[in-house]
Amino acid sequence: MNVRVATCALFVFALLIMARVDAAPSALTGKMSLYNYLLKGKWSCSGGGSTYFAVYAVVPGNALHGHLYSAQGSEDAYFGYKDATHRFWTVNVDSTGATESQTSADGVIYTGTLFDGKTTSKATNVFTMVNSRRWTVRARGTEGGRPYDLTVTCLRT
């Protein structure tokens, strides 16, 4: 009977260790902490003729995962900071297969490329935290051969 108790205790201990290792932190640290305001709840975003919701979570590696969604489609975005290059980075993909990859020196102005499925073009996004309940992103670039310049405003719901 002692062997069963010891085995059960060891199993429970192993599960607790695995749960702790797999659990993502609840806040970003270091340079990434400037994005912690995004973690508190769901956001309603509109601009450029579309409206969508966004939710953000910390993922292992001190990175931020954003899930943006509406009835028309969805997008997943990741944000991080690479110490070796002293640069913030973001990558995302949407439900049409379009991808975007950008870097930033300050975590506010991101430049890089957008691939819309046919062509690769330059893209710039500027993020502004207005207050704890509102932020904006101004997106500029070219998609499908057409230039765009739009501002999206997000409000905490």
C-alpha atoms as a PDB file:
ATOM      1  CA  MET A   1       0.000   0.000   0.000  1.00  0.00           C
ATOM      2  CA  ASN A   2       2.893   2.402   0.670  1.00  0.00           C
ATOM      3  CA  VAL A   3       4.098   1.852  -2.890  1.00  0.00           C
ATOM      4  CA  ARG A   4       0.684   2.939  -4.239  1.00  0.00           C
ATOM      5  CA  VAL A   5       0.650   6.060  -2.062  1.00  0.00           C
ATOM      6  CA  ALA A   6       4.216   6.924  -3.079  1.00  0.00           C
ATOM      7  CA  THR A   7       3.436   6.346  -6.763  1.00  0.00           C
ATOM      8  CA  CYS A   8       0.280   8.473  -6.542  1.00  0.00           C
ATOM      9  CA  ALA A   9       2.155  11.249  -4.720  1.00  0.00           C
ATOM     10  CA  LEU A  10       4.938  11.176  -7.306  1.00  0.00           C
ATOM     11  CA  PHE A  11       2.383  11.357 -10.123  1.00  0.00           C
ATOM     12  CA  VAL A  12       0.618  14.358  -8.527  1.00  0.00           C
ATOM     13  CA  PHE A  13       3.983  16.070  -7.950  1.00  0.00           C
ATOM     14  CA  ALA A  14       4.943  15.509 -11.616  1.00  0.00           C
ATOM     15  CA  LEU A  15       1.613  16.974 -12.777  1.00  0.00           C
ATOM     16  CA  LEU A  16       2.122  20.042 -10.599  1.00  0.00           C
ATOM     17  CA  ILE A  17       5.624  20.558 -11.979  1.00  0.00           C
ATOM     18  CA  MET A  18       4.385  20.185 -15.567  1.00  0.00           C
ATOM     19  CA  ALA A  19       1.525  22.599 -14.949  1.00  0.00           C
ATOM     20  CA  ARG A  20       3.896  25.162 -13.520  1.00  0.00           C
ATOM     21  CA  VAL A  21       6.336  24.829 -16.436  1.00  0.00           C
ATOM     22  CA  ASP A  22       3.545  25.081 -19.017  1.00  0.00           C
ATOM     23  CA  ALA A  23       1.774  28.014 -17.375  1.00  0.00           C
ATOM     24  CA  ALA A  24       2.365  31.293 -19.156  1.00  0.00           C
ATOM     25  CA  PRO A  25       3.228  34.325 -17.038  1.00  0.00           C
ATOM     26  CA  SER A  26       0.441  36.830 -16.444  1.00  0.00           C
ATOM     27  CA  ALA A  27       2.488  39.935 -17.307  1.00  0.00           C
ATOM     28  CA  LEU A  28       5.229  40.906 -19.719  1.00  0.00           C
ATOM     29  CA  THR A  29       8.597  41.920 -18.280  1.00  0.00           C
ATOM     30  CA  GLY A  30      11.532  44.100 -19.274  1.00  0.00           C
ATOM     31  CA  LYS A  31      11.207  45.954 -22.580  1.00  0.00           C
ATOM     32  CA  MET A  32       7.962  44.099 -23.352  1.00  0.00           C
ATOM     33  CA  SER A  33       6.209  45.527 -20.274  1.00  0.00           C
ATOM     34  CA  LEU A  34       5.084  48.526 -22.345  1.00  0.00           C
ATOM     35  CA  TYR A  35       2.379  46.226 -23.796  1.00  0.00           C
ATOM     36  CA  ASN A  36       0.884  45.104 -20.471  1.00  0.00           C
ATOM     37  CA  TYR A  37      -2.040  47.517 -20.928  1.00  0.00           C
ATOM     38  CA  LEU A  38      -3.324  45.249 -23.730  1.00  0.00           C
ATOM     39  CA  LEU A  39      -3.768  42.300 -21.363  1.00  0.00           C
ATOM     40  CA  LYS A  40      -6.680  43.615 -19.355  1.00  0.00           C
ATOM     41  CA  GLY A  41      -9.772  42.471 -21.214  1.00  0.00           C
ATOM     42  CA  LYS A  42     -11.264  42.447 -24.663  1.00  0.00           C
ATOM     43  CA  TRP A  43     -10.918  45.298 -27.153  1.00  0.00           C
ATOM     44  CA  SER A  44     -13.397  46.516 -29.773  1.00  0.00           C
ATOM     45  CA  CYS A  45     -11.570  47.980 -32.762  1.00  0.00           C
ATOM     46  CA  SER A  46     -12.812  49.898 -35.795  1.00  0.00           C
ATOM     47  CA  GLY A  47     -11.372  51.769 -38.723  1.00  0.00           C
ATOM     48  CA  GLY A  48     -10.866  51.437 -42.430  1.00  0.00           C
ATOM     49  CA  GLY A  49     -14.418  50.200 -42.867  1.00  0.00           C
ATOM     50  CA  SER A  50     -14.110  47.209 -40.552  1.00  0.00           C
ATOM     51  CA  THR A  51     -14.912  46.368 -36.956  1.00  0.00           C
ATOM     52  CA  TYR A  52     -13.375  43.534 -34.968  1.00  0.00           C
ATOM     53  CA  PHE A  53     -12.534  42.337 -31.471  1.00  0.00           C
ATOM     54  CA  ALA A  54      -9.063  41.708 -30.076  1.00  0.00           C
ATOM     55  CA  VAL A  55      -7.784  39.817 -27.044  1.00  0.00           C
ATOM     56  CA  TYR A  56      -4.170  39.581 -25.920  1.00  0.00           C
ATOM     57  CA  ALA A  57      -2.263  37.114 -23.747  1.00  0.00           C
ATOM     58  CA  VAL A  58       1.290  36.572 -22.572  1.00  0.00           C
ATOM     59  CA  VAL A  59       2.872  33.464 -24.083  1.00  0.00           C
ATOM     60  CA  PRO A  60       6.097  31.679 -23.093  1.00  0.00           C
ATOM     61  CA  GLY A  61       9.239  33.551 -24.082  1.00  0.00           C
ATOM     62  CA  ASN A  62       7.971  36.899 -22.759  1.00  0.00           C
ATOM     63  CA  ALA A  63       5.997  37.438 -25.957  1.00  0.00           C
ATOM     64  CA  LEU A  64       2.518  38.795 -26.590  1.00  0.00           C
ATOM     65  CA  HIS A  65      -0.110  36.934 -28.632  1.00  0.00           C
ATOM     66  CA  GLY A  66      -3.014  38.873 -30.080  1.00  0.00           C
ATOM     67  CA  HIS A  67      -6.095  37.235 -31.544  1.00  0.00           C
ATOM     68  CA  LEU A  68      -8.213  39.565 -33.683  1.00  0.00           C
ATOM     69  CA  TYR A  69     -11.557  38.346 -34.986  1.00  0.00           C
ATOM     70  CA  SER A  70     -14.871  39.310 -36.569  1.00  0.00           C
ATOM     71  CA  ALA A  71     -17.589  37.619 -38.605  1.00  0.00           C
ATOM     72  CA  GLN A  72     -15.508  38.365 -41.728  1.00  0.00           C
ATOM     73  CA  GLY A  73     -12.219  36.789 -40.634  1.00  0.00           C
ATOM     74  CA  SER A  74      -9.460  36.554 -38.084  1.00  0.00           C
ATOM     75  CA  GLU A  75      -5.804  37.366 -37.514  1.00  0.00           C
ATOM     76  CA  ASP A  76      -3.141  36.211 -35.080  1.00  0.00           C
ATOM     77  CA  ALA A  77      -0.254  38.468 -34.159  1.00  0.00           C
ATOM     78  CA  TYR A  78       2.827  37.978 -32.001  1.00  0.00           C
ATOM     79  CA  PHE A  79       5.014  40.703 -30.512  1.00  0.00           C
ATOM     80  CA  GLY A  80       8.396  40.248 -28.860  1.00  0.00           C
ATOM     81  CA  TYR A  81      11.775  41.765 -28.134  1.00  0.00           C
ATOM     82  CA  LYS A  82      15.128  40.292 -29.169  1.00  0.00           C
ATOM     83  CA  ASP A  83      17.996  41.263 -26.868  1.00  0.00           C
ATOM     84  CA  ALA A  84      20.678  40.321 -29.419  1.00  0.00           C
ATOM     85  CA  THR A  85      19.428  42.884 -31.956  1.00  0.00           C
ATOM     86  CA  HIS A  86      17.892  45.363 -29.495  1.00  0.00           C
ATOM     87  CA  ARG A  87      14.744  45.319 -31.652  1.00  0.00           C
ATOM     88  CA  PHE A  88      11.069  44.692 -31.078  1.00  0.00           C
ATOM     89  CA  TRP A  89       9.442  42.395 -33.631  1.00  0.00           C
ATOM     90  CA  THR A  90       5.946  41.483 -34.744  1.00  0.00           C
ATOM     91  CA  VAL A  91       4.618  38.875 -37.138  1.00  0.00           C
ATOM     92  CA  ASN A  92       1.041  38.146 -38.061  1.00  0.00           C
ATOM     93  CA  VAL A  93      -1.130  36.177 -40.423  1.00  0.00           C
ATOM     94  CA  ASP A  94      -4.787  36.582 -41.256  1.00  0.00           C
ATOM     95  CA  SER A  95      -7.458  34.180 -42.446  1.00  0.00           C
ATOM     96  CA  THR A  96      -6.833  35.146 -46.099  1.00  0.00           C
ATOM     97  CA  GLY A  97      -3.196  34.035 -45.852  1.00  0.00           C
ATOM     98  CA  ALA A  98      -1.740  37.548 -45.799  1.00  0.00           C
ATOM     99  CA  THR A  99       1.357  37.850 -43.609  1.00  0.00           C
ATOM    100  CA  GLU A 100       3.187  40.795 -42.117  1.00  0.00           C
ATOM    101  CA  SER A 101       6.636  40.930 -40.548  1.00  0.00           C
ATOM    102  CA  GLN A 102       8.006  44.086 -38.937  1.00  0.00           C
ATOM    103  CA  THR A 103      10.631  45.331 -36.492  1.00  0.00           C
ATOM    104  CA  SER A 104      10.918  48.422 -34.313  1.00  0.00           C
ATOM    105  CA  ALA A 105      13.599  50.228 -32.328  1.00  0.00           C
ATOM    106  CA  ASP A 106      11.091  51.684 -29.831  1.00  0.00           C
ATOM    107  CA  GLY A 107       8.086  49.317 -29.792  1.00  0.00           C
ATOM    108  CA  VAL A 108       5.898  52.068 -31.270  1.00  0.00           C
ATOM    109  CA  ILE A 109       6.883  52.518 -34.936  1.00  0.00           C
ATOM    110  CA  TYR A 110       7.118  49.200 -36.783  1.00  0.00           C
ATOM    111  CA  THR A 111       8.382  48.870 -40.366  1.00  0.00           C
ATOM    112  CA  GLY A 112       8.650  45.814 -42.539  1.00  0.00           C
ATOM    113  CA  THR A 113       6.782  43.902 -45.193  1.00  0.00           C
ATOM    114  CA  LEU A 114       3.276  42.757 -46.016  1.00  0.00           C
ATOM    115  CA  PHE A 115       2.719  39.737 -48.275  1.00  0.00           C
ATOM    116  CA  ASP A 116      -0.866  39.677 -49.585  1.00  0.00           C
ATOM    117  CA  GLY A 117      -0.565  36.316 -51.351  1.00  0.00           C
ATOM    118  CA  LYS A 118       0.761  37.785 -54.584  1.00  0.00           C
ATOM    119  CA  THR A 119       3.155  40.605 -53.839  1.00  0.00           C
ATOM    120  CA  THR A 120       5.419  41.752 -51.051  1.00  0.00           C
ATOM    121  CA  SER A 121       5.292  45.439 -50.187  1.00  0.00           C
ATOM    122  CA  LYS A 122       6.520  47.801 -47.495  1.00  0.00           C
ATOM    123  CA  ALA A 123       4.293  48.359 -44.474  1.00  0.00           C
ATOM    124  CA  THR A 124       4.465  50.686 -41.472  1.00  0.00           C
ATOM    125  CA  ASN A 125       2.365  50.540 -38.309  1.00  0.00           C
ATOM    126  CA  VAL A 126       2.465  53.183 -35.565  1.00  0.00           C
ATOM    127  CA  PHE A 127       0.902  52.202 -32.219  1.00  0.00           C
ATOM    128  CA  THR A 128      -0.280  54.883 -29.789  1.00  0.00           C
ATOM    129  CA  MET A 129      -1.647  54.225 -26.316  1.00  0.00           C
ATOM    130  CA  VAL A 130      -4.084  57.078 -25.741  1.00  0.00           C
ATOM    131  CA  ASN A 131      -5.051  55.915 -22.237  1.00  0.00           C
ATOM    132  CA  SER A 132      -5.720  52.646 -20.379  1.00  0.00           C
ATOM    133  CA  ARG A 133      -9.004  52.172 -22.260  1.00  0.00           C
ATOM    134  CA  ARG A 134      -8.056  53.362 -25.752  1.00  0.00           C
ATOM    135  CA  TRP A 135      -5.235  52.852 -28.256  1.00  0.00           C
ATOM    136  CA  THR A 136      -4.763  53.422 -31.971  1.00  0.00           C
ATOM    137  CA  VAL A 137      -2.695  52.043 -34.798  1.00  0.00           C
ATOM    138  CA  ARG A 138      -2.002  53.911 -38.010  1.00  0.00           C
ATOM    139  CA  ALA A 139      -1.242  51.482 -40.807  1.00  0.00           C
ATOM    140  CA  ARG A 140       0.342  52.564 -44.086  1.00  0.00           C
ATOM    141  CA  GLY A 141       1.545  50.566 -47.053  1.00  0.00           C
ATOM    142  CA  THR A 142       0.401  48.895 -50.235  1.00  0.00           C
ATOM    143  CA  GLU A 143      -1.852  45.870 -50.529  1.00  0.00           C
ATOM    144  CA  GLY A 144      -2.865  44.301 -53.826  1.00  0.00           C
ATOM    145  CA  GLY A 145      -1.130  47.146 -55.649  1.00  0.00           C
ATOM    146  CA  ARG A 146      -3.283  49.765 -53.884  1.00  0.00           C
ATOM    147  CA  PRO A 147      -1.847  52.130 -51.275  1.00  0.00           C
ATOM    148  CA  TYR A 148      -3.571  52.349 -47.905  1.00  0.00           C
ATOM    149  CA  ASP A 149      -3.336  54.760 -44.995  1.00  0.00           C
ATOM    150  CA  LEU A 150      -5.816  54.064 -42.213  1.00  0.00           C
ATOM    151  CA  THR A 151      -6.186  54.539 -38.500  1.00  0.00           C
ATOM    152  CA  VAL A 152      -7.821  51.933 -36.302  1.00  0.00           C
ATOM    153  CA  THR A 153      -9.057  52.838 -32.825  1.00  0.00           C
ATOM    154  CA  CYS A 154      -9.484  50.186 -30.145  1.00  0.00           C
ATOM    155  CA  LEU A 155     -11.556  50.600 -26.990  1.00  0.00           C
ATOM    156  CA  ARG A 156     -11.614  48.313 -23.975  1.00  0.00           C
ATOM    157  CA  THR A 157     -15.024  46.632 -23.755  1.00  0.00           C
END
